[in-house]
Amino acid sequence: MDLDVVPGLTIPASELDWRFSRSSGPGGQHVNTSDSRVELSWDVRESSALSDSQRLILLTRLGPHLIGGVVTVSASERRSQLRNREIALAKLADLVAGGLAPAAPGRRATKPTRGSDRRRLVAKKLRSTTKQQRKRPSAD
């Protein structure tokens, strides 16, 4: 089943690599016999679904998530392997869509108002006098 990430980008099922293993957590005796944990990998560098500009964007923005150009997500939240497959597909789609989303506008620097500066200094002075009063009286 192909993975629709954003309009205009669909990852073919042939590029998705699935691995299954035993999951920890709830499940009783069933958890010891079934491979319900899912790992889904996708090679960003070798993908035919991406344009060169999309590939470059993903390689830079998903850097911490990539190992050798391959992004891997895992899911073991549910007892069912099928449900964990769906969760892993959704996680990968969200990760890739977030990587391709346009960057948020930068923060515009502002100056604190005169009133907020004055309130800060008054509170600072009050804290200072409170701490001064906690001191042990001097022997002078």
Protein backbone atom coordinates (compact mmCIF):
# COMPACT_ATOMS: atom_id res chain seq x y z
CA MET A 1 0.00 0.00 0.00
CA ASP A 2 1.48 3.35 -1.08
CA LEU A 3 1.85 6.09 1.53
CA ASP A 4 0.30 9.48 0.70
CA VAL A 5 2.35 12.10 2.55
CA VAL A 6 1.29 15.44 1.07
CA PRO A 7 -0.50 16.26 -2.17
CA GLY A 8 2.02 15.55 -4.89
CA LEU A 9 4.15 13.15 -2.83
CA THR A 10 3.34 9.47 -2.52
CA ILE A 11 5.92 6.99 -1.28
CA PRO A 12 5.62 3.69 -3.18
CA ALA A 13 5.15 0.59 -1.03
CA SER A 14 8.21 -0.98 -2.69
CA GLU A 15 10.45 1.65 -1.02
CA LEU A 16 9.16 0.92 2.49
CA ASP A 17 11.07 -1.65 4.53
CA TRP A 18 9.20 -3.40 7.34
CA ARG A 19 10.70 -5.23 10.35
CA PHE A 20 8.77 -6.95 13.10
CA SER A 21 9.80 -8.00 16.59
CA ARG A 22 8.31 -8.88 19.93
CA SER A 23 6.87 -5.95 21.79
CA SER A 24 7.17 -5.19 25.47
CA GLY A 25 4.23 -4.06 27.52
CA PRO A 26 0.71 -5.45 28.00
CA GLY A 27 -0.57 -8.51 26.20
CA GLY A 28 -0.33 -11.35 28.67
CA GLN A 29 0.86 -14.67 27.28
CA HIS A 30 0.08 -13.46 23.77
CA VAL A 31 2.95 -10.93 23.89
CA ASN A 32 5.53 -13.73 24.09
CA THR A 33 4.37 -15.40 20.88
CA SER A 34 3.58 -12.61 18.43
CA ASP A 35 5.76 -10.08 16.67
CA SER A 36 3.60 -7.01 17.16
CA ARG A 37 6.32 -4.31 17.32
CA VAL A 38 6.79 -2.64 13.94
CA GLU A 39 9.77 -0.76 12.50
CA LEU A 40 9.26 1.07 9.24
CA SER A 41 12.27 2.35 7.28
CA TRP A 42 12.48 4.53 4.19
CA ASP A 43 15.63 5.47 2.31
CA VAL A 44 15.45 9.21 1.62
CA ARG A 45 18.63 9.28 -0.50
CA GLU A 46 17.53 6.55 -2.92
CA SER A 47 13.83 7.36 -3.15
CA SER A 48 12.38 7.85 -6.61
CA ALA A 49 9.33 9.62 -5.15
CA LEU A 50 11.28 12.78 -4.25
CA SER A 51 12.49 15.60 -6.43
CA ASP A 52 16.07 16.77 -5.92
CA SER A 53 14.95 19.86 -3.99
CA GLN A 54 12.66 17.79 -1.72
CA ARG A 55 15.47 15.30 -1.11
CA LEU A 56 17.87 18.08 -0.12
CA ILE A 57 15.31 19.66 2.23
CA LEU A 58 14.57 16.33 3.92
CA LEU A 59 18.23 15.40 4.28
CA THR A 60 18.97 18.69 6.04
CA ARG A 61 15.82 18.98 8.19
CA LEU A 62 15.56 15.31 9.20
CA GLY A 63 19.28 15.02 9.95
CA PRO A 64 18.88 13.81 13.57
CA HIS A 65 16.34 11.16 12.48
CA LEU A 66 18.48 9.79 9.65
CA ILE A 67 21.02 7.01 9.85
CA GLY A 68 22.84 6.66 6.55
CA GLY A 69 20.07 8.51 4.73
CA VAL A 70 17.40 6.15 6.08
CA VAL A 71 14.61 7.35 8.35
CA THR A 72 13.14 4.73 10.72
CA VAL A 73 10.03 4.94 12.89
CA SER A 74 8.75 2.30 15.28
CA ALA A 75 5.36 1.56 16.79
CA SER A 76 4.52 -0.78 19.64
CA GLU A 77 1.60 1.07 21.22
CA ARG A 78 -1.04 -1.54 20.37
CA ARG A 79 -1.23 -5.29 20.78
CA SER A 80 -2.13 -5.81 17.14
CA GLN A 81 0.57 -5.82 14.46
CA LEU A 82 -1.91 -4.43 11.94
CA ARG A 83 -2.74 -1.46 14.17
CA ASN A 84 0.97 -0.84 14.82
CA ARG A 85 1.58 -0.87 11.04
CA GLU A 86 -1.05 1.86 10.62
CA ILE A 87 0.52 3.90 13.43
CA ALA A 88 4.01 3.54 11.91
CA LEU A 89 2.73 4.70 8.51
CA ALA A 90 1.08 7.73 10.13
CA LYS A 91 4.27 8.56 12.07
CA LEU A 92 6.39 8.39 8.92
CA ALA A 93 3.90 10.51 6.96
CA ASP A 94 3.83 13.14 9.74
CA LEU A 95 7.63 13.20 9.99
CA VAL A 96 8.12 13.64 6.24
CA ALA A 97 5.29 16.18 5.92
CA GLY A 98 6.78 18.19 8.79
CA GLY A 99 10.18 18.09 7.12
CA LEU A 100 8.75 19.38 3.85
CA ALA A 101 6.56 22.07 5.45
CA PRO A 102 7.72 25.65 4.91
CA ALA A 103 9.77 27.10 7.72
CA ALA A 104 7.99 29.31 10.24
CA PRO A 105 8.76 33.02 10.06
CA GLY A 106 11.57 34.13 12.34
CA ARG A 107 10.95 35.93 15.59
CA ARG A 108 10.94 39.70 15.42
CA ALA A 109 12.99 41.23 18.20
CA THR A 110 11.10 43.59 20.51
CA LYS A 111 12.03 45.81 23.45
CA PRO A 112 10.43 45.44 26.89
CA THR A 113 8.06 48.27 27.78
CA ARG A 114 9.03 50.84 30.39
CA GLY A 115 6.28 49.59 32.72
CA SER A 116 7.38 45.95 32.52
CA ASP A 117 10.98 46.97 33.16
CA ARG A 118 9.91 49.00 36.20
CA ARG A 119 7.79 46.10 37.56
CA ARG A 120 10.73 43.72 37.13
CA LEU A 121 13.07 46.02 39.07
CA VAL A 122 10.52 46.54 41.87
CA ALA A 123 10.04 42.77 42.23
CA LYS A 124 13.80 42.28 42.21
CA LYS A 125 14.24 44.85 44.98
CA LEU A 126 11.49 43.19 47.02
CA ARG A 127 13.15 39.77 46.69
CA SER A 128 16.46 41.33 47.71
CA THR A 129 15.04 42.85 50.90
CA THR A 130 13.24 39.57 51.75
CA LYS A 131 16.51 37.67 51.48
CA GLN A 132 18.38 40.34 53.47
CA GLN A 133 15.89 39.93 56.32
CA ARG A 134 16.59 36.17 56.44
CA LYS A 135 20.21 36.78 57.41
CA ARG A 136 21.37 36.21 60.97
CA PRO A 137 21.72 39.51 62.86
CA SER A 138 25.29 40.71 63.03
CA ALA A 139 27.14 40.85 66.39
CA ASP A 140 28.12 44.53 66.02
